[in-house]
C-alpha atoms as a PDB file:
ATOM      1  CA  GLN A   1      14.856  -6.389-134.459  1.00  0.00           C
ATOM      2  CA  MET A   2      11.493  -5.245-133.520  1.00  0.00           C
ATOM      3  CA  ALA A   3       9.068  -8.025-132.208  1.00  0.00           C
ATOM      4  CA  ASP A   4       6.164  -9.046-134.551  1.00  0.00           C
ATOM      5  CA  PRO A   5       3.422  -6.576-133.781  1.00  0.00           C
ATOM      6  CA  PHE A   6       0.535  -8.984-134.509  1.00  0.00           C
ATOM      7  CA  LEU A   7       0.296 -10.529-131.209  1.00  0.00           C
ATOM      8  CA  TYR A   8      -2.883 -12.204-131.836  1.00  0.00           C
ATOM      9  CA  HIS A   9      -2.113 -15.500-133.537  1.00  0.00           C
ATOM     10  CA  THR A  10      -3.542 -15.653-137.059  1.00  0.00           C
ATOM     11  CA  GLY A  11      -2.728 -19.378-137.763  1.00  0.00           C
ATOM     12  CA  GLU A  12      -5.002 -21.401-135.625  1.00  0.00           C
ATOM     13  CA  ARG A  13      -8.293 -19.431-135.742  1.00  0.00           C
ATOM     14  CA  SER A  14     -11.875 -20.432-135.868  1.00  0.00           C
ATOM     15  CA  LYS A  15     -13.367 -20.633-139.305  1.00  0.00           C
ATOM     16  CA  TYR A  16     -16.038 -17.948-140.024  1.00  0.00           C
ATOM     17  CA  GLY A  17     -19.105 -18.441-142.384  1.00  0.00           C
ATOM     18  CA  CYS A  18     -19.648 -15.095-143.951  1.00  0.00           C
ATOM     19  CA  LEU A  19     -23.082 -13.589-144.335  1.00  0.00           C
ATOM     20  CA  GLY A  20     -22.337 -11.288-147.361  1.00  0.00           C
ATOM     21  CA  HIS A  21     -21.121 -11.894-150.900  1.00  0.00           C
ATOM     22  CA  GLU A  22     -18.246 -10.635-153.212  1.00  0.00           C
ATOM     23  CA  VAL A  23     -18.726  -8.168-156.006  1.00  0.00           C
ATOM     24  CA  GLN A  24     -16.481  -6.680-158.672  1.00  0.00           C
ATOM     25  CA  ILE A  25     -16.392  -2.767-158.869  1.00  0.00           C
ATOM     26  CA  GLU A  26     -14.299  -1.443-161.809  1.00  0.00           C
ATOM     27  CA  HIS A  27     -10.738  -2.737-161.010  1.00  0.00           C
ATOM     28  CA  ILE A  28     -11.423  -3.961-157.410  1.00  0.00           C
ATOM     29  CA  LYS A  29     -13.196  -6.840-155.734  1.00  0.00           C
ATOM     30  CA  ALA A  30     -15.146  -6.151-152.531  1.00  0.00           C
ATOM     31  CA  TYR A  31     -16.964  -8.052-149.864  1.00  0.00           C
ATOM     32  CA  VAL A  32     -20.448  -6.618-149.230  1.00  0.00           C
ATOM     33  CA  CYS A  33     -22.970  -7.339-146.552  1.00  0.00           C
ATOM     34  CA  ARG A  34     -26.475  -5.519-146.523  1.00  0.00           C
ATOM     35  CA  PRO A  35     -29.127  -5.352-143.707  1.00  0.00           C
ATOM     36  CA  SER A  36     -32.330  -7.077-144.447  1.00  0.00           C
ATOM     37  CA  PHE A  37     -34.154  -3.790-144.962  1.00  0.00           C
ATOM     38  CA  PHE A  38     -33.450  -0.684-147.360  1.00  0.00           C
ATOM     39  CA  THR A  39     -31.072   2.045-145.956  1.00  0.00           C
ATOM     40  CA  ASP A  40     -29.253   4.899-147.490  1.00  0.00           C
ATOM     41  CA  LYS A  41     -26.476   4.674-144.923  1.00  0.00           C
ATOM     42  CA  ALA A  42     -23.180   2.806-145.730  1.00  0.00           C
ATOM     43  CA  VAL A  43     -19.876   2.123-144.022  1.00  0.00           C
ATOM     44  CA  ILE A  44     -16.526   1.309-145.899  1.00  0.00           C
ATOM     45  CA  VAL A  45     -14.296  -1.149-143.808  1.00  0.00           C
ATOM     46  CA  ILE A  46     -10.691  -0.968-144.638  1.00  0.00           C
ATOM     47  CA  HIS A  47      -8.735  -4.219-143.770  1.00  0.00           C
ATOM     48  CA  ASP A  48      -5.404  -4.595-142.163  1.00  0.00           C
ATOM     49  CA  VAL A  49      -2.295  -6.154-143.676  1.00  0.00           C
ATOM     50  CA  PHE A  50      -3.957  -9.449-143.774  1.00  0.00           C
ATOM     51  CA  GLY A  51      -6.216  -8.272-146.541  1.00  0.00           C
ATOM     52  CA  TRP A  52      -9.868  -8.353-147.378  1.00  0.00           C
ATOM     53  CA  LEU A  53     -10.289 -12.106-147.482  1.00  0.00           C
ATOM     54  CA  PHE A  54      -9.192 -12.481-143.721  1.00  0.00           C
ATOM     55  CA  PRO A  55     -12.207 -13.817-141.730  1.00  0.00           C
ATOM     56  CA  ASP A  56     -11.836 -11.390-138.947  1.00  0.00           C
ATOM     57  CA  ILE A  57     -12.469  -8.404-141.203  1.00  0.00           C
ATOM     58  CA  ARG A  58     -15.390 -10.147-142.787  1.00  0.00           C
ATOM     59  CA  TYR A  59     -16.760 -10.638-139.410  1.00  0.00           C
ATOM     60  CA  ILE A  60     -16.628  -7.015-138.709  1.00  0.00           C
ATOM     61  CA  VAL A  61     -18.397  -6.164-142.010  1.00  0.00           C
ATOM     62  CA  ASP A  62     -21.158  -8.399-141.061  1.00  0.00           C
ATOM     63  CA  LEU A  63     -21.382  -6.896-137.567  1.00  0.00           C
ATOM     64  CA  ILE A  64     -21.728  -3.424-139.042  1.00  0.00           C
ATOM     65  CA  ALA A  65     -24.389  -4.645-141.466  1.00  0.00           C
ATOM     66  CA  GLY A  66     -26.202  -6.016-138.506  1.00  0.00           C
ATOM     67  CA  HIS A  67     -26.481  -2.514-137.074  1.00  0.00           C
ATOM     68  CA  GLY A  68     -28.400  -1.355-140.224  1.00  0.00           C
ATOM     69  CA  TYR A  69     -25.701  -0.166-142.596  1.00  0.00           C
ATOM     70  CA  ILE A  70     -24.625  -1.356-146.061  1.00  0.00           C
ATOM     71  CA  ALA A  71     -21.070  -2.530-145.113  1.00  0.00           C
ATOM     72  CA  ILE A  72     -18.240  -3.059-147.679  1.00  0.00           C
ATOM     73  CA  CYS A  73     -14.732  -4.161-147.479  1.00  0.00           C
ATOM     74  CA  PRO A  74     -12.909  -3.532-150.706  1.00  0.00           C
ATOM     75  CA  ASP A  75      -9.591  -5.231-151.700  1.00  0.00           C
ATOM     76  CA  PHE A  76      -7.298  -2.033-151.084  1.00  0.00           C
ATOM     77  CA  PHE A  77      -4.389  -4.299-152.110  1.00  0.00           C
ATOM     78  CA  LYS A  78      -5.913  -4.640-155.647  1.00  0.00           C
ATOM     79  CA  GLY A  79      -5.312  -8.362-155.981  1.00  0.00           C
ATOM     80  CA  THR A  80      -1.796  -8.331-154.841  1.00  0.00           C
ATOM     81  CA  GLU A  81      -0.609 -10.564-151.968  1.00  0.00           C
ATOM     82  CA  PRO A  82      -1.478  -9.513-148.426  1.00  0.00           C
ATOM     83  CA  TRP A  83       0.948  -9.959-145.487  1.00  0.00           C
ATOM     84  CA  LYS A  84       0.822 -13.585-144.180  1.00  0.00           C
ATOM     85  CA  SER A  85       1.516 -14.819-140.689  1.00  0.00           C
ATOM     86  CA  THR A  86       4.351 -16.909-142.205  1.00  0.00           C
ATOM     87  CA  ASP A  87       6.088 -13.951-143.837  1.00  0.00           C
ATOM     88  CA  HIS A  88       9.303 -12.855-142.143  1.00  0.00           C
ATOM     89  CA  TRP A  89       9.020  -9.600-140.164  1.00  0.00           C
ATOM     90  CA  ALA A  90      12.250  -8.331-141.456  1.00  0.00           C
ATOM     91  CA  ASP A  91      10.569  -7.975-144.889  1.00  0.00           C
ATOM     92  CA  PHE A  92       7.804  -5.893-143.473  1.00  0.00           C
ATOM     93  CA  ALA A  93       9.160  -2.440-144.344  1.00  0.00           C
ATOM     94  CA  ASP A  94       9.861  -3.483-147.787  1.00  0.00           C
ATOM     95  CA  TRP A  95       6.350  -4.876-148.314  1.00  0.00           C
ATOM     96  CA  MET A  96       4.833  -1.681-146.819  1.00  0.00           C
ATOM     97  CA  LYS A  97       6.670   0.285-149.696  1.00  0.00           C
ATOM     98  CA  HIS A  98       4.401  -1.537-152.102  1.00  0.00           C
ATOM     99  CA  HIS A  99       1.268  -1.352-149.795  1.00  0.00           C
ATOM    100  CA  ASP A 100       1.157   2.422-148.897  1.00  0.00           C
ATOM    101  CA  PRO A 101      -2.042   3.242-146.734  1.00  0.00           C
ATOM    102  CA  MET A 102      -1.667   6.982-148.030  1.00  0.00           C
ATOM    103  CA  LYS A 103      -2.297   5.705-151.579  1.00  0.00           C
ATOM    104  CA  VAL A 104      -5.788   4.722-151.206  1.00  0.00           C
ATOM    105  CA  ASP A 105      -7.625   7.560-152.705  1.00  0.00           C
ATOM    106  CA  LYS A 106      -8.564   6.258-155.992  1.00  0.00           C
ATOM    107  CA  GLU A 107      -9.969   3.046-154.592  1.00  0.00           C
ATOM    108  CA  ALA A 108     -11.924   4.937-152.054  1.00  0.00           C
ATOM    109  CA  ASP A 109     -13.403   7.083-154.920  1.00  0.00           C
ATOM    110  CA  VAL A 110     -14.334   4.056-156.904  1.00  0.00           C
ATOM    111  CA  VAL A 111     -16.208   2.453-153.881  1.00  0.00           C
ATOM    112  CA  LEU A 112     -17.810   5.702-152.910  1.00  0.00           C
ATOM    113  CA  LYS A 113     -19.136   6.109-156.520  1.00  0.00           C
ATOM    114  CA  TYR A 114     -20.607   2.471-156.309  1.00  0.00           C
ATOM    115  CA  LEU A 115     -22.220   3.047-152.898  1.00  0.00           C
ATOM    116  CA  LYS A 116     -23.840   6.259-154.171  1.00  0.00           C
ATOM    117  CA  GLU A 117     -24.923   5.165-157.718  1.00  0.00           C
ATOM    118  CA  GLN A 118     -25.533   1.346-157.263  1.00  0.00           C
ATOM    119  CA  CYS A 119     -26.672   1.259-153.677  1.00  0.00           C
ATOM    120  CA  GLY A 120     -28.416   4.469-153.170  1.00  0.00           C
ATOM    121  CA  ALA A 121     -26.185   5.499-150.209  1.00  0.00           C
ATOM    122  CA  LYS A 122     -26.379   9.142-149.136  1.00  0.00           C
ATOM    123  CA  LYS A 123     -24.400   9.208-146.004  1.00  0.00           C
ATOM    124  CA  ILE A 124     -21.068   7.039-145.804  1.00  0.00           C
ATOM    125  CA  GLY A 125     -18.782   6.412-142.859  1.00  0.00           C
ATOM    126  CA  ILE A 126     -15.321   4.640-142.748  1.00  0.00           C
ATOM    127  CA  VAL A 127     -13.680   2.399-140.246  1.00  0.00           C
ATOM    128  CA  GLY A 128     -10.270   0.826-140.550  1.00  0.00           C
ATOM    129  CA  PHE A 129      -7.904  -1.433-138.584  1.00  0.00           C
ATOM    130  CA  SER A 130      -4.113  -1.141-138.215  1.00  0.00           C
ATOM    131  CA  TRP A 131      -3.049  -0.537-141.842  1.00  0.00           C
ATOM    132  CA  GLY A 132      -6.587   0.383-142.421  1.00  0.00           C
ATOM    133  CA  GLY A 133      -6.529   2.752-139.447  1.00  0.00           C
ATOM    134  CA  MET A 134      -3.694   4.597-141.131  1.00  0.00           C
ATOM    135  CA  ALA A 135      -5.730   4.683-144.376  1.00  0.00           C
ATOM    136  CA  VAL A 136      -8.865   6.168-142.590  1.00  0.00           C
ATOM    137  CA  HIS A 137      -6.588   9.043-140.965  1.00  0.00           C
ATOM    138  CA  HIS A 138      -5.346   9.826-144.431  1.00  0.00           C
ATOM    139  CA  LEU A 139      -8.844   9.710-146.071  1.00  0.00           C
ATOM    140  CA  MET A 140     -10.429  11.852-143.321  1.00  0.00           C
ATOM    141  CA  LEU A 141      -8.033  14.606-144.261  1.00  0.00           C
ATOM    142  CA  LYS A 142      -8.649  14.254-147.961  1.00  0.00           C
ATOM    143  CA  ASN A 143     -12.172  13.191-148.803  1.00  0.00           C
ATOM    144  CA  PRO A 144     -15.097  15.249-147.704  1.00  0.00           C
ATOM    145  CA  GLN A 145     -17.616  12.567-148.998  1.00  0.00           C
ATOM    146  CA  LEU A 146     -16.783  10.546-145.881  1.00  0.00           C
ATOM    147  CA  THR A 147     -19.170  11.752-143.130  1.00  0.00           C
ATOM    148  CA  ALA A 148     -17.286  10.237-140.216  1.00  0.00           C
ATOM    149  CA  GLY A 149     -14.305   7.961-139.602  1.00  0.00           C
ATOM    150  CA  VAL A 150     -13.005   5.499-136.874  1.00  0.00           C
ATOM    151  CA  SER A 151      -9.245   4.703-137.004  1.00  0.00           C
ATOM    152  CA  LEU A 152      -8.323   1.753-134.966  1.00  0.00           C
ATOM    153  CA  TYR A 153      -4.736   1.344-133.930  1.00  0.00           C
ATOM    154  CA  GLY A 154      -3.441   3.012-137.117  1.00  0.00           C
ATOM    155  CA  ARG A 155       0.189   4.063-136.563  1.00  0.00           C
ATOM    156  CA  ILE A 156       0.688   7.846-136.305  1.00  0.00           C
ATOM    157  CA  ILE A 157       2.739   9.223-139.099  1.00  0.00           C
ATOM    158  CA  ARG A 158       4.379  12.452-138.178  1.00  0.00           C
ATOM    159  CA  ASP A 159       5.051  13.971-141.524  1.00  0.00           C
ATOM    160  CA  SER A 160       3.516  17.198-141.430  1.00  0.00           C
ATOM    161  CA  GLU A 161       1.246  19.606-139.511  1.00  0.00           C
ATOM    162  CA  GLU A 162      -1.658  19.056-142.081  1.00  0.00           C
ATOM    163  CA  ARG A 163      -2.031  15.624-140.720  1.00  0.00           C
ATOM    164  CA  TYR A 164      -4.385  17.096-138.166  1.00  0.00           C
ATOM    165  CA  ASN A 165      -6.758  19.165-140.077  1.00  0.00           C
ATOM    166  CA  LEU A 166      -9.547  16.496-140.276  1.00  0.00           C
ATOM    167  CA  LEU A 167     -12.517  17.227-142.579  1.00  0.00           C
ATOM    168  CA  ASN A 168     -15.118  15.369-140.526  1.00  0.00           C
ATOM    169  CA  PRO A 169     -15.666  13.701-137.185  1.00  0.00           C
ATOM    170  CA  THR A 170     -12.907  11.160-136.418  1.00  0.00           C
ATOM    171  CA  PHE A 171     -12.522   8.831-133.584  1.00  0.00           C
ATOM    172  CA  PHE A 172      -9.164   7.158-132.769  1.00  0.00           C
ATOM    173  CA  ILE A 173      -8.998   3.904-130.776  1.00  0.00           C
ATOM    174  CA  PHE A 174      -5.776   2.416-129.438  1.00  0.00           C
ATOM    175  CA  GLY A 175      -4.731  -0.406-127.301  1.00  0.00           C
ATOM    176  CA  GLU A 176      -2.635   0.372-124.042  1.00  0.00           C
ATOM    177  CA  LYS A 177      -0.117  -2.481-124.805  1.00  0.00           C
ATOM    178  CA  ASP A 178       0.167  -1.901-128.565  1.00  0.00           C
ATOM    179  CA  HIS A 179       3.920  -1.855-128.901  1.00  0.00           C
ATOM    180  CA  THR A 180       3.722  -0.580-132.583  1.00  0.00           C
ATOM    181  CA  ILE A 181       2.342   2.811-131.223  1.00  0.00           C
ATOM    182  CA  SER A 182       3.995   4.677-128.398  1.00  0.00           C
ATOM    183  CA  TYR A 183       2.158   6.522-125.762  1.00  0.00           C
ATOM    184  CA  ASP A 184       4.258   9.663-126.787  1.00  0.00           C
ATOM    185  CA  GLN A 185       2.699   9.315-130.367  1.00  0.00           C
ATOM    186  CA  ILE A 186      -0.890   9.244-128.927  1.00  0.00           C
ATOM    187  CA  THR A 187      -0.179  12.331-126.599  1.00  0.00           C
ATOM    188  CA  LEU A 188       1.298  14.179-129.719  1.00  0.00           C
ATOM    189  CA  LEU A 189      -1.793  13.307-131.758  1.00  0.00           C
ATOM    190  CA  GLU A 190      -4.008  14.698-128.863  1.00  0.00           C
ATOM    191  CA  GLU A 191      -1.966  17.950-128.753  1.00  0.00           C
ATOM    192  CA  LYS A 192      -2.080  18.608-132.425  1.00  0.00           C
ATOM    193  CA  LEU A 193      -5.706  17.798-132.837  1.00  0.00           C
ATOM    194  CA  LYS A 194      -6.408  20.285-130.033  1.00  0.00           C
ATOM    195  CA  GLN A 195      -4.508  22.882-132.136  1.00  0.00           C
ATOM    196  CA  TYR A 196      -5.603  22.138-135.784  1.00  0.00           C
ATOM    197  CA  CYS A 197      -8.824  20.114-135.752  1.00  0.00           C
ATOM    198  CA  THR A 198     -12.215  22.057-136.000  1.00  0.00           C
ATOM    199  CA  VAL A 199     -14.521  19.084-136.300  1.00  0.00           C
ATOM    200  CA  PRO A 200     -15.399  16.648-133.387  1.00  0.00           C
ATOM    201  CA  TYR A 201     -12.802  14.146-132.632  1.00  0.00           C
ATOM    202  CA  GLN A 202     -12.053  11.571-129.772  1.00  0.00           C
ATOM    203  CA  ILE A 203      -9.024   9.420-128.761  1.00  0.00           C
ATOM    204  CA  LYS A 204      -9.578   6.531-126.548  1.00  0.00           C
ATOM    205  CA  VAL A 205      -7.011   3.968-125.190  1.00  0.00           C
ATOM    206  CA  TYR A 206      -8.326   0.521-123.839  1.00  0.00           C
ATOM    207  CA  PRO A 207      -6.610  -0.859-120.985  1.00  0.00           C
ATOM    208  CA  GLY A 208      -4.217  -3.866-121.324  1.00  0.00           C
ATOM    209  CA  GLN A 209      -4.997  -4.207-125.124  1.00  0.00           C
ATOM    210  CA  VAL A 210      -2.467  -5.384-127.815  1.00  0.00           C
ATOM    211  CA  HIS A 211      -2.354  -4.393-131.499  1.00  0.00           C
ATOM    212  CA  GLY A 212      -5.343  -5.937-133.347  1.00  0.00           C
ATOM    213  CA  PHE A 213      -7.522  -6.447-130.402  1.00  0.00           C
ATOM    214  CA  ALA A 214     -10.801  -4.987-131.603  1.00  0.00           C
ATOM    215  CA  GLN A 215     -11.346  -7.410-134.522  1.00  0.00           C
ATOM    216  CA  LEU A 216     -11.436 -10.761-132.943  1.00  0.00           C
ATOM    217  CA  LYS A 217     -14.329 -13.013-133.368  1.00  0.00           C
ATOM    218  CA  PRO A 218     -16.118 -13.985-129.954  1.00  0.00           C
ATOM    219  CA  GLU A 219     -14.651 -17.478-129.873  1.00  0.00           C
ATOM    220  CA  ASP A 220     -11.051 -16.007-130.370  1.00  0.00           C
ATOM    221  CA  MET A 221     -11.474 -13.595-127.510  1.00  0.00           C
ATOM    222  CA  LYS A 222      -9.506 -14.179-124.067  1.00  0.00           C
ATOM    223  CA  PRO A 223     -12.074 -13.648-121.212  1.00  0.00           C
ATOM    224  CA  ASN A 224      -9.992 -10.718-119.852  1.00  0.00           C
ATOM    225  CA  ASP A 225      -9.980  -8.937-122.953  1.00  0.00           C
ATOM    226  CA  LYS A 226     -13.595  -9.565-124.015  1.00  0.00           C
ATOM    227  CA  PRO A 227     -15.095  -6.492-122.035  1.00  0.00           C
ATOM    228  CA  TYR A 228     -12.562  -4.028-123.680  1.00  0.00           C
ATOM    229  CA  ILE A 229     -13.118  -5.601-127.124  1.00  0.00           C
ATOM    230  CA  GLU A 230     -16.884  -5.286-126.860  1.00  0.00           C
ATOM    231  CA  GLU A 231     -16.509  -1.731-125.464  1.00  0.00           C
ATOM    232  CA  ALA A 232     -14.330  -0.739-128.421  1.00  0.00           C
ATOM    233  CA  ARG A 233     -16.830  -1.980-130.926  1.00  0.00           C
ATOM    234  CA  LYS A 234     -19.788  -0.287-129.227  1.00  0.00           C
ATOM    235  CA  ASP A 235     -17.760   2.986-129.160  1.00  0.00           C
ATOM    236  CA  MET A 236     -17.081   2.486-132.876  1.00  0.00           C
ATOM    237  CA  MET A 237     -20.748   1.897-133.504  1.00  0.00           C
ATOM    238  CA  ASP A 238     -21.927   4.783-131.339  1.00  0.00           C
ATOM    239  CA  TRP A 239     -19.570   7.171-133.263  1.00  0.00           C
ATOM    240  CA  ILE A 240     -20.837   5.961-136.601  1.00  0.00           C
ATOM    241  CA  LYS A 241     -24.530   6.205-135.568  1.00  0.00           C
ATOM    242  CA  THR A 242     -24.042   9.666-134.139  1.00  0.00           C
ATOM    243  CA  PHE A 243     -22.631  11.061-137.541  1.00  0.00           C
ATOM    244  CA  VAL A 244     -23.716   8.656-140.207  1.00  0.00           C
END
């Protein structure tokens, strides 16, 4: 039996007072936070297995909005149950069958249309965490409307060579101590991108960090991890600011 990869404890966490609001876009609900001034730049945030209501992901949305972007986290689970910290790890593979990060195209299109038509967005980036990191990798191969992507500790699926022909600049963030992603997988990703990728990309591994490290709220960070978490977030925002 594999150990539960979500090493950050999701039960006893500090509460978070969100700065944004919820909207309904066609068949999906979404959490949106806007900066105080007008901008035509937006970032879609893809949640992890804990879903769009999870405080950590809303904190990230607010953080990105604070950098001057319309930030939006849609419910990519379309109202179905997210994974809960009380669920049994043995059931995870089965749960994943019904929550496939490679089947997010329709929802992404709905959100892109909303950002362009309702919010006046001209450039749109995307960031995703864990499950969302896998979804970002997928979308950066499929959707040219996404100007740049950041995939944070998305498991690397070795299904075909075309997984490396990215359409636009993509940054891959990993934690060194993430036992859901082996170092071999990261090396393979690097080799294949060198071979197939014609747009800017970067891969960075953060020392001592476990799965899920980059979305912790400040009060939930351990002092030793804090510098790496802050560095990963700065790197994420620098990548977005460079291209979006």
